N, C-alpha and C. Protein backbone atom coordinates (compact mmCIF):
# COMPACT_ATOMS: atom_id res chain seq x y z
N MET A 1 21.60 29.56 -27.13
CA MET A 1 20.92 28.36 -27.21
C MET A 1 20.87 27.66 -25.91
N MET A 2 21.96 27.57 -25.23
CA MET A 2 22.11 26.80 -23.94
C MET A 2 21.01 27.37 -22.94
N ASN A 3 20.65 28.54 -23.00
CA ASN A 3 19.71 29.15 -21.99
C ASN A 3 18.28 28.58 -22.19
N ASN A 4 18.01 28.05 -23.40
CA ASN A 4 16.66 27.52 -23.64
C ASN A 4 16.54 25.97 -23.27
N LEU A 5 17.60 25.44 -22.77
CA LEU A 5 17.68 23.94 -22.41
C LEU A 5 16.73 23.79 -21.20
N PRO A 6 16.05 22.68 -21.11
CA PRO A 6 15.12 22.46 -19.93
C PRO A 6 15.98 21.97 -18.77
N LYS A 7 15.61 22.41 -17.60
CA LYS A 7 16.27 21.93 -16.32
C LYS A 7 15.68 20.69 -15.87
N ILE A 8 14.31 20.49 -16.15
CA ILE A 8 13.60 19.26 -15.78
C ILE A 8 13.13 18.60 -17.11
N VAL A 9 13.47 17.38 -17.26
CA VAL A 9 13.02 16.67 -18.48
C VAL A 9 12.08 15.54 -18.12
N THR A 10 11.09 15.38 -19.05
CA THR A 10 10.07 14.42 -18.70
C THR A 10 9.78 13.42 -19.87
N SER A 11 9.49 12.17 -19.47
CA SER A 11 9.02 11.25 -20.45
C SER A 11 7.98 10.30 -19.86
N LYS A 12 7.35 9.59 -20.70
CA LYS A 12 6.36 8.62 -20.32
C LYS A 12 6.75 7.22 -20.81
N THR A 13 6.41 6.27 -20.14
CA THR A 13 6.79 4.85 -20.47
C THR A 13 5.64 3.94 -19.84
N LYS A 14 5.68 2.74 -20.39
CA LYS A 14 4.62 1.76 -19.92
C LYS A 14 5.40 0.63 -19.11
N ILE A 15 4.80 0.22 -18.07
CA ILE A 15 5.42 -0.81 -17.20
C ILE A 15 5.15 -2.16 -17.91
N ARG A 16 6.24 -2.86 -18.19
CA ARG A 16 6.07 -4.17 -18.91
C ARG A 16 6.13 -5.35 -18.01
N PHE A 17 5.55 -6.41 -18.56
CA PHE A 17 5.39 -7.59 -17.89
C PHE A 17 6.58 -8.23 -17.36
N GLN A 18 7.69 -8.34 -18.14
CA GLN A 18 8.93 -8.89 -17.64
C GLN A 18 9.57 -8.19 -16.54
N ASP A 19 9.09 -6.99 -16.20
CA ASP A 19 9.77 -6.18 -15.12
C ASP A 19 8.95 -6.26 -13.83
N CYS A 20 7.79 -7.09 -13.85
CA CYS A 20 6.91 -7.08 -12.74
C CYS A 20 7.09 -8.41 -11.87
N ASP A 21 6.65 -8.30 -10.61
CA ASP A 21 6.60 -9.37 -9.69
C ASP A 21 5.21 -10.10 -9.79
N PRO A 22 5.05 -11.22 -9.02
CA PRO A 22 3.77 -11.90 -9.14
C PRO A 22 2.52 -11.05 -8.78
N PHE A 23 2.71 -10.01 -8.09
CA PHE A 23 1.65 -9.16 -7.69
C PHE A 23 1.26 -8.08 -8.72
N ASN A 24 1.89 -8.18 -9.90
CA ASN A 24 1.77 -7.28 -10.98
C ASN A 24 2.16 -5.88 -10.68
N HIS A 25 3.21 -5.68 -9.60
CA HIS A 25 3.86 -4.54 -9.31
C HIS A 25 5.22 -4.52 -10.00
N LEU A 26 5.69 -3.28 -10.35
CA LEU A 26 7.06 -3.24 -10.95
C LEU A 26 7.97 -3.74 -9.80
N ASN A 27 8.82 -4.64 -10.12
CA ASN A 27 9.79 -5.26 -9.21
C ASN A 27 10.77 -4.10 -8.76
N ASN A 28 11.03 -4.14 -7.47
CA ASN A 28 12.00 -3.07 -6.92
C ASN A 28 13.24 -2.92 -7.71
N GLY A 29 13.85 -3.92 -8.14
CA GLY A 29 15.09 -3.80 -8.87
C GLY A 29 14.95 -3.16 -10.24
N SER A 30 13.78 -3.31 -10.74
CA SER A 30 13.51 -2.79 -12.11
C SER A 30 13.32 -1.31 -12.08
N TYR A 31 12.99 -0.70 -10.98
CA TYR A 31 12.85 0.78 -11.03
C TYR A 31 14.06 1.49 -11.48
N ILE A 32 15.21 1.10 -11.03
CA ILE A 32 16.47 1.67 -11.39
C ILE A 32 16.68 1.65 -12.99
N ASN A 33 16.31 0.51 -13.60
CA ASN A 33 16.37 0.42 -15.03
C ASN A 33 15.48 1.42 -15.70
N TYR A 34 14.18 1.64 -15.27
CA TYR A 34 13.36 2.49 -15.85
C TYR A 34 13.78 3.96 -15.67
N PHE A 35 14.38 4.33 -14.48
CA PHE A 35 15.05 5.60 -14.22
C PHE A 35 16.19 5.75 -15.14
N ILE A 36 17.10 4.92 -15.23
CA ILE A 36 18.29 5.07 -16.02
C ILE A 36 18.02 5.21 -17.56
N ASN A 37 17.22 4.33 -18.00
CA ASN A 37 16.71 4.42 -19.47
C ASN A 37 16.09 5.80 -19.72
N HIS A 38 15.30 6.23 -18.81
CA HIS A 38 14.71 7.61 -19.03
C HIS A 38 15.81 8.68 -19.20
N ARG A 39 16.69 8.59 -18.22
CA ARG A 39 17.79 9.69 -18.23
C ARG A 39 18.59 9.60 -19.47
N GLU A 40 19.01 8.35 -19.82
CA GLU A 40 19.85 8.24 -21.12
C GLU A 40 19.14 8.81 -22.32
N ASP A 41 17.79 8.49 -22.42
CA ASP A 41 17.06 9.02 -23.57
C ASP A 41 16.97 10.59 -23.51
N MET A 42 16.78 11.01 -22.28
CA MET A 42 16.45 12.49 -22.17
C MET A 42 17.74 13.34 -22.31
N ILE A 43 18.90 12.83 -21.90
CA ILE A 43 20.13 13.62 -22.18
C ILE A 43 20.49 13.65 -23.63
N LEU A 44 20.17 12.54 -24.33
CA LEU A 44 20.43 12.54 -25.79
C LEU A 44 19.43 13.42 -26.51
N GLU A 45 18.19 13.29 -26.16
CA GLU A 45 17.16 14.21 -26.80
C GLU A 45 17.32 15.62 -26.53
N HIS A 46 17.54 16.04 -25.31
CA HIS A 46 17.48 17.46 -24.84
C HIS A 46 18.92 18.07 -24.85
N TYR A 47 19.93 17.35 -24.58
CA TYR A 47 21.23 17.94 -24.44
C TYR A 47 22.26 17.40 -25.41
N ASP A 48 21.80 16.51 -26.36
CA ASP A 48 22.67 16.01 -27.41
C ASP A 48 23.87 15.31 -26.81
N ILE A 49 23.81 14.56 -25.74
CA ILE A 49 24.90 13.85 -25.12
C ILE A 49 24.54 12.39 -25.34
N ASP A 50 25.38 11.70 -26.22
CA ASP A 50 25.33 10.21 -26.44
C ASP A 50 26.36 9.63 -25.66
N MET A 51 26.14 9.11 -24.50
CA MET A 51 27.09 8.54 -23.59
C MET A 51 27.85 7.45 -24.22
N PHE A 52 27.27 6.64 -25.06
CA PHE A 52 27.87 5.39 -25.62
C PHE A 52 28.82 5.89 -26.81
N LYS A 53 28.36 6.82 -27.64
CA LYS A 53 29.18 7.38 -28.59
C LYS A 53 30.45 8.05 -28.00
N MET A 54 30.22 8.78 -26.91
CA MET A 54 31.29 9.49 -26.18
C MET A 54 32.36 8.49 -25.69
N ALA A 55 31.83 7.45 -25.02
CA ALA A 55 32.68 6.34 -24.59
C ALA A 55 33.60 5.72 -25.69
N ARG A 56 33.02 5.52 -26.82
CA ARG A 56 33.69 4.89 -27.98
C ARG A 56 34.69 5.93 -28.51
N LYS A 57 34.35 7.09 -28.58
CA LYS A 57 35.19 8.19 -29.22
C LYS A 57 36.30 8.71 -28.21
N THR A 58 36.00 8.86 -27.02
CA THR A 58 36.99 9.53 -26.06
C THR A 58 37.49 8.53 -24.94
N GLY A 59 36.80 7.45 -24.76
CA GLY A 59 37.18 6.58 -23.75
C GLY A 59 36.59 6.95 -22.33
N GLN A 60 35.72 7.93 -22.46
CA GLN A 60 35.18 8.54 -21.15
C GLN A 60 33.66 8.49 -21.13
N SER A 61 33.12 8.26 -20.01
CA SER A 61 31.66 8.39 -19.86
C SER A 61 31.35 8.45 -18.38
N TRP A 62 30.16 8.20 -17.93
CA TRP A 62 29.89 8.28 -16.44
C TRP A 62 29.57 6.94 -15.93
N VAL A 63 29.94 6.67 -14.79
CA VAL A 63 29.54 5.34 -14.03
C VAL A 63 28.78 5.80 -12.79
N THR A 64 27.75 5.02 -12.45
CA THR A 64 27.05 5.24 -11.27
C THR A 64 27.86 4.99 -10.00
N ASN A 65 27.84 5.86 -9.07
CA ASN A 65 28.62 5.70 -7.84
C ASN A 65 27.78 5.53 -6.54
N SER A 66 26.47 5.82 -6.79
CA SER A 66 25.53 5.67 -5.60
C SER A 66 24.06 5.79 -6.10
N ASN A 67 23.19 5.08 -5.38
CA ASN A 67 21.70 5.17 -5.61
C ASN A 67 21.06 5.22 -4.29
N GLN A 68 20.11 6.18 -4.04
CA GLN A 68 19.23 6.19 -3.00
C GLN A 68 17.86 6.23 -3.45
N ILE A 69 17.05 5.16 -3.20
CA ILE A 69 15.69 5.12 -3.74
C ILE A 69 14.67 4.92 -2.61
N ALA A 70 13.47 5.56 -2.94
CA ALA A 70 12.18 5.27 -2.02
C ALA A 70 11.13 4.82 -2.99
N TYR A 71 10.45 3.79 -2.49
CA TYR A 71 9.27 3.24 -3.18
C TYR A 71 8.13 3.74 -2.35
N LEU A 72 7.31 4.61 -3.04
CA LEU A 72 6.19 5.22 -2.24
C LEU A 72 4.84 4.61 -2.53
N LYS A 73 4.57 4.37 -3.81
CA LYS A 73 3.37 3.67 -4.34
C LYS A 73 3.74 2.70 -5.39
N PRO A 74 3.07 1.66 -5.49
CA PRO A 74 3.43 0.61 -6.52
C PRO A 74 3.10 1.17 -8.01
N ALA A 75 3.99 0.80 -8.90
CA ALA A 75 3.72 0.98 -10.39
C ALA A 75 3.18 -0.40 -10.80
N PHE A 76 2.16 -0.38 -11.58
CA PHE A 76 1.45 -1.62 -12.00
C PHE A 76 1.72 -2.03 -13.46
N LEU A 77 1.60 -3.34 -13.63
CA LEU A 77 1.68 -3.90 -15.03
C LEU A 77 0.83 -3.12 -16.00
N MET A 78 1.42 -2.79 -17.09
CA MET A 78 0.83 -2.00 -18.24
C MET A 78 0.32 -0.57 -17.90
N GLU A 79 0.74 -0.09 -16.74
CA GLU A 79 0.39 1.30 -16.37
C GLU A 79 1.42 2.23 -17.12
N THR A 80 0.88 3.34 -17.58
CA THR A 80 1.83 4.39 -18.04
C THR A 80 2.16 5.27 -16.96
N VAL A 81 3.49 5.47 -16.83
CA VAL A 81 4.14 6.31 -15.85
C VAL A 81 4.85 7.50 -16.43
N THR A 82 4.86 8.60 -15.71
CA THR A 82 5.60 9.77 -16.08
C THR A 82 6.92 9.92 -15.25
N ILE A 83 8.00 10.02 -15.86
CA ILE A 83 9.26 10.11 -15.18
C ILE A 83 9.91 11.56 -15.42
N GLU A 84 10.24 12.15 -14.35
CA GLU A 84 10.95 13.49 -14.53
C GLU A 84 12.40 13.36 -13.92
N SER A 85 13.33 14.11 -14.39
CA SER A 85 14.65 14.09 -13.92
C SER A 85 15.26 15.45 -13.92
N GLN A 86 16.19 15.65 -13.09
CA GLN A 86 16.93 16.86 -13.12
C GLN A 86 18.31 16.76 -12.44
N LEU A 87 19.23 17.34 -13.00
CA LEU A 87 20.58 17.51 -12.43
C LEU A 87 20.45 18.53 -11.17
N PHE A 88 20.90 18.10 -10.00
CA PHE A 88 20.67 19.08 -8.91
C PHE A 88 21.97 19.50 -8.26
N ARG A 89 23.12 18.70 -8.65
CA ARG A 89 24.33 19.10 -8.12
C ARG A 89 25.38 18.63 -9.12
N GLU A 90 26.45 19.50 -9.29
CA GLU A 90 27.51 19.18 -10.23
C GLU A 90 28.82 19.69 -9.78
N SER A 91 29.77 18.93 -10.15
CA SER A 91 31.13 19.32 -9.89
C SER A 91 32.03 19.02 -11.09
N SER A 92 33.38 19.27 -10.99
CA SER A 92 34.31 18.96 -12.14
C SER A 92 34.29 17.56 -12.60
N SER A 93 33.83 16.58 -11.79
CA SER A 93 33.85 15.23 -12.19
C SER A 93 32.57 14.39 -11.71
N ASP A 94 31.80 14.96 -10.79
CA ASP A 94 30.65 14.24 -10.30
C ASP A 94 29.30 14.97 -10.56
N LEU A 95 28.36 14.11 -10.58
CA LEU A 95 26.88 14.67 -10.72
C LEU A 95 25.87 13.99 -9.86
N MET A 96 24.88 14.70 -9.38
CA MET A 96 23.81 14.14 -8.61
C MET A 96 22.47 14.44 -9.34
N VAL A 97 21.78 13.39 -9.75
CA VAL A 97 20.49 13.56 -10.45
C VAL A 97 19.37 13.00 -9.62
N GLU A 98 18.21 13.76 -9.54
CA GLU A 98 17.08 13.26 -8.89
C GLU A 98 16.10 12.88 -10.06
N MET A 99 15.48 11.66 -9.87
CA MET A 99 14.43 11.21 -10.77
C MET A 99 13.20 10.85 -10.01
N ARG A 100 12.01 11.22 -10.50
CA ARG A 100 10.77 10.91 -9.88
C ARG A 100 9.82 10.23 -10.82
N MET A 101 9.19 9.22 -10.33
CA MET A 101 8.24 8.44 -11.14
C MET A 101 6.87 8.76 -10.59
N TYR A 102 5.86 9.11 -11.44
CA TYR A 102 4.54 9.47 -11.09
C TYR A 102 3.66 8.56 -11.87
N ASP A 103 2.32 8.58 -11.47
CA ASP A 103 1.34 7.98 -12.39
C ASP A 103 1.25 8.85 -13.63
N ASP A 104 0.47 8.44 -14.62
CA ASP A 104 0.42 9.09 -15.87
C ASP A 104 0.06 10.61 -15.78
N LYS A 105 -0.85 10.93 -14.93
CA LYS A 105 -1.25 12.31 -14.85
C LYS A 105 -0.53 13.13 -13.66
N LYS A 106 0.51 12.55 -13.22
CA LYS A 106 1.40 13.12 -12.09
C LYS A 106 0.57 13.59 -10.89
N THR A 107 -0.42 12.68 -10.50
CA THR A 107 -1.10 13.04 -9.28
C THR A 107 -0.59 12.24 -8.09
N HIS A 108 0.13 11.03 -8.36
CA HIS A 108 0.76 10.33 -7.37
C HIS A 108 2.12 10.04 -7.59
N LEU A 109 2.98 10.38 -6.60
CA LEU A 109 4.35 10.06 -6.65
C LEU A 109 4.56 8.65 -6.33
N LYS A 110 5.20 7.82 -7.16
CA LYS A 110 5.44 6.46 -6.90
C LYS A 110 6.80 6.04 -6.38
N ALA A 111 7.85 6.79 -6.88
CA ALA A 111 9.18 6.50 -6.48
C ALA A 111 10.02 7.67 -6.69
N ILE A 112 11.10 7.84 -5.98
CA ILE A 112 12.13 8.88 -6.17
C ILE A 112 13.52 8.26 -5.95
N ILE A 113 14.43 8.64 -6.73
CA ILE A 113 15.77 8.23 -6.65
C ILE A 113 16.72 9.42 -6.81
N TRP A 114 17.82 9.27 -6.06
CA TRP A 114 18.98 10.18 -6.16
C TRP A 114 20.07 9.29 -6.75
N CYS A 115 20.65 9.61 -7.89
CA CYS A 115 21.74 8.85 -8.51
C CYS A 115 22.96 9.77 -8.51
N GLY A 116 24.09 9.14 -8.13
CA GLY A 116 25.39 9.85 -8.16
C GLY A 116 26.10 9.18 -9.35
N PHE A 117 26.71 10.10 -10.15
CA PHE A 117 27.50 9.68 -11.24
C PHE A 117 28.95 10.22 -11.22
N THR A 118 29.92 9.52 -11.57
CA THR A 118 31.27 9.98 -11.72
C THR A 118 31.76 9.84 -13.18
N HIS A 119 32.34 10.91 -13.67
CA HIS A 119 32.96 10.94 -14.96
C HIS A 119 34.16 10.09 -14.86
N PHE A 120 34.29 9.12 -15.77
CA PHE A 120 35.33 8.05 -15.67
C PHE A 120 36.01 7.87 -16.92
N ASN A 121 37.37 7.72 -16.94
CA ASN A 121 38.19 7.33 -18.10
C ASN A 121 38.25 5.78 -18.12
N ILE A 122 37.62 5.15 -19.06
CA ILE A 122 37.54 3.75 -19.14
C ILE A 122 38.91 3.16 -19.52
N LEU A 123 39.63 3.94 -20.38
CA LEU A 123 41.02 3.43 -20.78
C LEU A 123 41.98 3.39 -19.61
N GLU A 124 41.89 4.44 -18.83
CA GLU A 124 42.97 4.68 -17.80
C GLU A 124 42.36 4.13 -16.42
N GLN A 125 41.14 3.68 -16.41
CA GLN A 125 40.50 3.23 -15.22
C GLN A 125 40.64 4.08 -14.00
N LYS A 126 40.26 5.38 -14.30
CA LYS A 126 40.27 6.37 -13.23
C LYS A 126 39.34 7.45 -13.50
N ARG A 127 38.95 8.25 -12.49
CA ARG A 127 38.16 9.43 -12.49
C ARG A 127 38.65 10.37 -13.58
N ALA A 128 37.78 10.99 -14.29
CA ALA A 128 38.10 12.00 -15.31
C ALA A 128 37.43 13.32 -14.99
N MET A 129 38.03 14.31 -15.45
CA MET A 129 37.43 15.75 -15.27
C MET A 129 36.53 16.00 -16.49
N HIS A 130 35.43 16.72 -16.33
CA HIS A 130 34.50 17.03 -17.34
C HIS A 130 35.26 18.13 -18.25
N SER A 131 34.99 18.09 -19.55
CA SER A 131 35.55 19.09 -20.43
C SER A 131 34.95 20.51 -20.15
N GLU A 132 35.47 21.56 -20.61
CA GLU A 132 34.91 22.86 -20.49
C GLU A 132 33.49 23.00 -21.12
N ASP A 133 33.28 22.40 -22.18
CA ASP A 133 31.92 22.30 -22.81
C ASP A 133 30.94 21.65 -21.96
N ILE A 134 31.21 20.46 -21.54
CA ILE A 134 30.35 19.69 -20.53
C ILE A 134 30.12 20.42 -19.24
N ASN A 135 31.17 21.00 -18.61
CA ASN A 135 30.99 21.77 -17.41
C ASN A 135 30.06 22.92 -17.68
N SER A 136 30.18 23.65 -18.74
CA SER A 136 29.36 24.72 -19.14
C SER A 136 27.87 24.41 -19.20
N LEU A 137 27.67 23.23 -19.86
CA LEU A 137 26.21 22.74 -20.08
C LEU A 137 25.76 22.42 -18.66
N PHE A 138 26.47 21.61 -17.86
CA PHE A 138 25.90 21.21 -16.56
C PHE A 138 25.60 22.39 -15.62
N LYS A 139 26.45 23.46 -15.66
CA LYS A 139 26.16 24.58 -14.94
C LYS A 139 24.91 25.34 -15.37
N THR A 140 24.62 25.24 -16.64
CA THR A 140 23.44 25.87 -17.24
C THR A 140 22.17 25.01 -16.88
N ILE A 141 22.28 23.72 -16.91
CA ILE A 141 21.04 23.00 -16.60
C ILE A 141 20.84 22.56 -15.23
N CYS A 142 21.79 22.79 -14.32
CA CYS A 142 21.68 22.37 -12.94
C CYS A 142 20.50 23.08 -12.27
N ASN A 143 19.73 22.34 -11.54
CA ASN A 143 18.55 22.83 -10.88
C ASN A 143 18.61 22.42 -9.43
N PRO A 144 19.22 23.16 -8.63
CA PRO A 144 19.50 22.71 -7.24
C PRO A 144 18.13 22.49 -6.42
N ILE A 145 18.24 21.60 -5.51
CA ILE A 145 17.08 21.30 -4.67
C ILE A 145 17.23 21.81 -3.27
N ASP A 146 16.16 22.27 -2.68
CA ASP A 146 16.26 22.87 -1.41
C ASP A 146 16.04 21.75 -0.31
N ALA A 147 16.89 20.79 -0.29
CA ALA A 147 16.84 19.78 0.73
C ALA A 147 18.28 19.28 0.92
N LYS A 148 18.69 19.12 2.20
CA LYS A 148 20.08 18.70 2.54
C LYS A 148 20.15 17.17 2.42
N THR A 149 19.00 16.39 2.74
CA THR A 149 19.12 14.98 2.75
C THR A 149 17.99 14.37 1.79
N PHE A 150 18.12 13.07 1.57
CA PHE A 150 17.23 12.38 0.78
C PHE A 150 15.86 12.32 1.56
N GLU A 151 15.91 12.01 2.77
CA GLU A 151 14.70 11.97 3.65
C GLU A 151 13.95 13.28 3.68
N GLU A 152 14.70 14.38 3.76
CA GLU A 152 14.08 15.64 3.77
C GLU A 152 13.36 15.96 2.46
N ARG A 153 13.99 15.48 1.40
CA ARG A 153 13.39 15.65 0.06
C ARG A 153 12.14 14.91 -0.18
N ILE A 154 12.15 13.67 0.37
CA ILE A 154 10.89 12.83 0.33
C ILE A 154 9.78 13.55 1.06
N LEU A 155 10.08 14.07 2.22
CA LEU A 155 9.03 14.81 2.95
C LEU A 155 8.51 16.03 2.14
N GLN A 156 9.37 16.69 1.59
CA GLN A 156 9.04 17.93 0.80
C GLN A 156 8.10 17.48 -0.32
N LEU A 157 8.44 16.36 -1.03
CA LEU A 157 7.49 15.93 -2.08
C LEU A 157 6.21 15.40 -1.70
N LYS A 158 6.23 14.67 -0.59
CA LYS A 158 4.99 14.19 -0.08
C LYS A 158 4.00 15.19 0.40
N THR A 159 4.55 16.30 0.96
CA THR A 159 3.66 17.35 1.37
C THR A 159 3.41 18.38 0.42
N LYS A 160 3.95 18.29 -0.78
CA LYS A 160 3.81 19.25 -1.84
C LYS A 160 2.36 19.34 -2.40
N LYS A 161 1.71 18.28 -2.50
CA LYS A 161 0.37 18.25 -3.16
C LYS A 161 -0.67 18.52 -2.16
């Protein structure tokens, strides 16, 4: 079953009024919310990981430890965007996820983000190791990227089309 899991997950969403600036562009700070909401939904839908249920049950979940984001083209009020994400690096307690926002038809890359996450024990207030099951899942779905830096990755994606 684990071999059939997608390495890249995709969803669509609409840019909402409350998230826009006076120019009807998605506000820079709101991009991260759209990306994180996408990832939360997709890991539940495709990998059956409910981070909030896990936190209540085990006292462990993931916290964001870093974000690197590039805004390439504006996302507009009421526009439908396509968001893709993939786990591209994993370890016993850390994850790196790339998320990309495109227009509806995926012809224009609007933004890209690299998010780092650390598995964390909320009760003990310290880093936690992934369980064997979670480690196995992450090894199965990890989809490495052929770029050493964020800037190199942006160049790859810009010249891809």
